[in-house]
Amino acid sequence: MTPLTVTLPDDLAERLRPVADQLPRILEVGLREVTAEDVAGFSGSSDVLEFLVRLPSPDEVLALKPSPELEARVRELLAKNRTGCLAADEEREWGLYQYLEHLVRLAKANALQQLRLAGDAPAAS
């Protein structure tokens, strides 16, 4: 690892202290989001990440669905990926969407587990 010194506003430094051991991961996720802003069509990720960051209820997490625009873009990239026709920027975008889907699946699994522990889980299908 490479040491890095950063100057931060006091309020941000205070918010980061409790999660200091997770800073490499936090920076990685943040960097992916910042980088994604330059990729056409990836703006839908901000909405999903902001939703998850506000710590929604388990029911809200389980009800989370992609916007029609996001869903259409993912379908388009999936089709191109299957035929091996993704351009370099599309490959990067596709990877970011796969990562976002992974985060949502983890959030939904956690939400379902919380509901099961509380005895409020929907029946398994």
C-alpha atoms as a PDB file:
ATOM      1  CA  MET A   1       0.000   0.000   0.000  1.00  0.00           C
ATOM      2  CA  THR A   2       1.043   3.575  -0.608  1.00  0.00           C
ATOM      3  CA  PRO A   3       0.635   6.156   2.168  1.00  0.00           C
ATOM      4  CA  LEU A   4      -1.368   9.245   1.196  1.00  0.00           C
ATOM      5  CA  THR A   5      -1.899  12.474   3.107  1.00  0.00           C
ATOM      6  CA  VAL A   6      -5.140  14.356   2.466  1.00  0.00           C
ATOM      7  CA  THR A   7      -6.400  17.648   3.872  1.00  0.00           C
ATOM      8  CA  LEU A   8     -10.127  17.483   4.648  1.00  0.00           C
ATOM      9  CA  PRO A   9     -12.707  19.836   6.115  1.00  0.00           C
ATOM     10  CA  ASP A  10     -13.076  19.212   9.860  1.00  0.00           C
ATOM     11  CA  ASP A  11     -16.682  18.003   9.591  1.00  0.00           C
ATOM     12  CA  LEU A  12     -15.787  15.418   6.945  1.00  0.00           C
ATOM     13  CA  ALA A  13     -12.773  14.229   8.948  1.00  0.00           C
ATOM     14  CA  GLU A  14     -15.035  13.698  11.968  1.00  0.00           C
ATOM     15  CA  ARG A  15     -17.506  11.678   9.903  1.00  0.00           C
ATOM     16  CA  LEU A  16     -14.680   9.495   8.579  1.00  0.00           C
ATOM     17  CA  ARG A  17     -13.031   8.714  11.921  1.00  0.00           C
ATOM     18  CA  PRO A  18     -15.439   5.888  12.880  1.00  0.00           C
ATOM     19  CA  VAL A  19     -14.871   4.191   9.516  1.00  0.00           C
ATOM     20  CA  ALA A  20     -11.151   4.893   9.138  1.00  0.00           C
ATOM     21  CA  ASP A  21     -10.391   1.201   8.626  1.00  0.00           C
ATOM     22  CA  GLN A  22     -12.780   1.196   5.641  1.00  0.00           C
ATOM     23  CA  LEU A  23     -11.320   4.269   3.905  1.00  0.00           C
ATOM     24  CA  PRO A  24      -9.698   2.355   1.005  1.00  0.00           C
ATOM     25  CA  ARG A  25     -13.080   0.763   0.190  1.00  0.00           C
ATOM     26  CA  ILE A  26     -14.973   4.047   0.624  1.00  0.00           C
ATOM     27  CA  LEU A  27     -12.544   5.796  -1.713  1.00  0.00           C
ATOM     28  CA  GLU A  28     -12.810   2.995  -4.271  1.00  0.00           C
ATOM     29  CA  VAL A  29     -16.611   3.175  -4.354  1.00  0.00           C
ATOM     30  CA  GLY A  30     -16.520   6.970  -4.492  1.00  0.00           C
ATOM     31  CA  LEU A  31     -13.946   6.953  -7.265  1.00  0.00           C
ATOM     32  CA  ARG A  32     -16.056   4.560  -9.287  1.00  0.00           C
ATOM     33  CA  GLU A  33     -19.020   6.901  -8.941  1.00  0.00           C
ATOM     34  CA  VAL A  34     -17.005   9.980  -9.890  1.00  0.00           C
ATOM     35  CA  THR A  35     -15.517   8.160 -12.871  1.00  0.00           C
ATOM     36  CA  ALA A  36     -18.957   6.940 -13.876  1.00  0.00           C
ATOM     37  CA  GLU A  37     -20.229  10.512 -14.210  1.00  0.00           C
ATOM     38  CA  ASP A  38     -18.186  10.745 -17.419  1.00  0.00           C
ATOM     39  CA  VAL A  39     -19.727   7.560 -18.847  1.00  0.00           C
ATOM     40  CA  ALA A  40     -22.892   8.183 -20.838  1.00  0.00           C
ATOM     41  CA  GLY A  41     -25.901   6.423 -19.412  1.00  0.00           C
ATOM     42  CA  PHE A  42     -24.460   5.628 -15.982  1.00  0.00           C
ATOM     43  CA  SER A  43     -26.202   8.444 -14.150  1.00  0.00           C
ATOM     44  CA  GLY A  44     -28.829   6.001 -12.822  1.00  0.00           C
ATOM     45  CA  SER A  45     -26.275   4.623 -10.404  1.00  0.00           C
ATOM     46  CA  SER A  46     -26.283   7.813  -8.347  1.00  0.00           C
ATOM     47  CA  ASP A  47     -29.977   7.434  -7.607  1.00  0.00           C
ATOM     48  CA  VAL A  48     -29.548   3.834  -6.466  1.00  0.00           C
ATOM     49  CA  LEU A  49     -26.496   4.573  -4.332  1.00  0.00           C
ATOM     50  CA  GLU A  50     -28.115   7.624  -2.743  1.00  0.00           C
ATOM     51  CA  PHE A  51     -31.174   5.488  -1.960  1.00  0.00           C
ATOM     52  CA  LEU A  52     -29.043   2.838  -0.244  1.00  0.00           C
ATOM     53  CA  VAL A  53     -26.959   5.395   1.649  1.00  0.00           C
ATOM     54  CA  ARG A  54     -30.036   6.833   3.347  1.00  0.00           C
ATOM     55  CA  LEU A  55     -30.514   3.423   5.027  1.00  0.00           C
ATOM     56  CA  PRO A  56     -34.028   2.616   3.813  1.00  0.00           C
ATOM     57  CA  SER A  57     -36.259   0.119   5.574  1.00  0.00           C
ATOM     58  CA  PRO A  58     -35.959  -3.551   4.555  1.00  0.00           C
ATOM     59  CA  ASP A  59     -39.324  -3.299   2.767  1.00  0.00           C
ATOM     60  CA  GLU A  60     -38.109  -0.287   0.780  1.00  0.00           C
ATOM     61  CA  VAL A  61     -34.929  -2.135  -0.213  1.00  0.00           C
ATOM     62  CA  LEU A  62     -36.868  -5.175  -1.384  1.00  0.00           C
ATOM     63  CA  ALA A  63     -39.164  -2.927  -3.451  1.00  0.00           C
ATOM     64  CA  LEU A  64     -36.212  -1.214  -5.188  1.00  0.00           C
ATOM     65  CA  LYS A  65     -36.437  -1.428  -8.974  1.00  0.00           C
ATOM     66  CA  PRO A  66     -34.314   0.244 -11.643  1.00  0.00           C
ATOM     67  CA  SER A  67     -35.742   3.201 -13.540  1.00  0.00           C
ATOM     68  CA  PRO A  68     -37.046   2.355 -17.027  1.00  0.00           C
ATOM     69  CA  GLU A  69     -34.096   4.268 -18.525  1.00  0.00           C
ATOM     70  CA  LEU A  70     -31.555   2.378 -16.439  1.00  0.00           C
ATOM     71  CA  GLU A  71     -33.207  -0.936 -17.215  1.00  0.00           C
ATOM     72  CA  ALA A  72     -33.196  -0.184 -20.953  1.00  0.00           C
ATOM     73  CA  ARG A  73     -29.512   0.777 -20.906  1.00  0.00           C
ATOM     74  CA  VAL A  74     -28.548  -2.358 -19.004  1.00  0.00           C
ATOM     75  CA  ARG A  75     -30.516  -4.505 -21.478  1.00  0.00           C
ATOM     76  CA  GLU A  76     -28.735  -2.784 -24.367  1.00  0.00           C
ATOM     77  CA  LEU A  77     -25.296  -3.367 -22.844  1.00  0.00           C
ATOM     78  CA  LEU A  78     -26.175  -6.973 -21.979  1.00  0.00           C
ATOM     79  CA  ALA A  79     -27.106  -7.666 -25.598  1.00  0.00           C
ATOM     80  CA  LYS A  80     -23.883  -6.097 -26.849  1.00  0.00           C
ATOM     81  CA  ASN A  81     -21.864  -7.989 -24.248  1.00  0.00           C
ATOM     82  CA  ARG A  82     -23.364 -11.302 -25.347  1.00  0.00           C
ATOM     83  CA  THR A  83     -22.289 -10.664 -28.932  1.00  0.00           C
ATOM     84  CA  GLY A  84     -18.873  -9.312 -27.954  1.00  0.00           C
ATOM     85  CA  CYS A  85     -19.603  -5.916 -29.505  1.00  0.00           C
ATOM     86  CA  LEU A  86     -18.941  -3.632 -26.519  1.00  0.00           C
ATOM     87  CA  ALA A  87     -16.695  -0.629 -27.120  1.00  0.00           C
ATOM     88  CA  ALA A  88     -14.067   0.094 -24.453  1.00  0.00           C
ATOM     89  CA  ASP A  89     -16.184   2.754 -22.733  1.00  0.00           C
ATOM     90  CA  GLU A  90     -19.194   0.440 -22.829  1.00  0.00           C
ATOM     91  CA  GLU A  91     -17.142  -2.349 -21.250  1.00  0.00           C
ATOM     92  CA  ARG A  92     -16.272  -0.007 -18.391  1.00  0.00           C
ATOM     93  CA  GLU A  93     -19.913   1.060 -18.080  1.00  0.00           C
ATOM     94  CA  TRP A  94     -21.043  -2.590 -18.123  1.00  0.00           C
ATOM     95  CA  GLY A  95     -18.585  -3.427 -15.332  1.00  0.00           C
ATOM     96  CA  LEU A  96     -19.891  -0.542 -13.246  1.00  0.00           C
ATOM     97  CA  TYR A  97     -23.478  -1.699 -13.709  1.00  0.00           C
ATOM     98  CA  GLN A  98     -22.513  -5.229 -12.703  1.00  0.00           C
ATOM     99  CA  TYR A  99     -20.947  -3.855  -9.536  1.00  0.00           C
ATOM    100  CA  LEU A 100     -24.042  -1.774  -8.810  1.00  0.00           C
ATOM    101  CA  GLU A 101     -26.237  -4.846  -9.265  1.00  0.00           C
ATOM    102  CA  HIS A 102     -24.002  -6.741  -6.844  1.00  0.00           C
ATOM    103  CA  LEU A 103     -24.470  -4.011  -4.215  1.00  0.00           C
ATOM    104  CA  VAL A 104     -28.242  -4.050  -4.679  1.00  0.00           C
ATOM    105  CA  ARG A 105     -28.349  -7.852  -4.380  1.00  0.00           C
ATOM    106  CA  LEU A 106     -26.362  -7.660  -1.138  1.00  0.00           C
ATOM    107  CA  ALA A 107     -28.707  -4.975   0.191  1.00  0.00           C
ATOM    108  CA  LYS A 108     -31.770  -7.046  -0.726  1.00  0.00           C
ATOM    109  CA  ALA A 109     -30.333 -10.204   0.854  1.00  0.00           C
ATOM    110  CA  ASN A 110     -29.604  -8.252   4.026  1.00  0.00           C
ATOM    111  CA  ALA A 111     -33.106  -6.747   4.018  1.00  0.00           C
ATOM    112  CA  LEU A 112     -34.691 -10.174   3.613  1.00  0.00           C
ATOM    113  CA  GLN A 113     -32.586 -11.537   6.457  1.00  0.00           C
ATOM    114  CA  GLN A 114     -33.674  -8.638   8.685  1.00  0.00           C
ATOM    115  CA  LEU A 115     -37.323  -9.308   7.887  1.00  0.00           C
ATOM    116  CA  ARG A 116     -36.929 -13.035   8.545  1.00  0.00           C
ATOM    117  CA  LEU A 117     -35.355 -12.334  11.938  1.00  0.00           C
ATOM    118  CA  ALA A 118     -38.251 -10.028  12.721  1.00  0.00           C
ATOM    119  CA  GLY A 119     -40.771 -12.613  11.490  1.00  0.00           C
ATOM    120  CA  ASP A 120     -42.017 -10.275   8.731  1.00  0.00           C
ATOM    121  CA  ALA A 121     -40.399 -11.874   5.698  1.00  0.00           C
ATOM    122  CA  PRO A 122     -42.407 -12.568   2.567  1.00  0.00           C
ATOM    123  CA  ALA A 123     -42.861 -16.233   1.721  1.00  0.00           C
ATOM    124  CA  ALA A 124     -40.051 -17.766  -0.325  1.00  0.00           C
ATOM    125  CA  SER A 125     -40.898 -18.264  -3.982  1.00  0.00           C
END
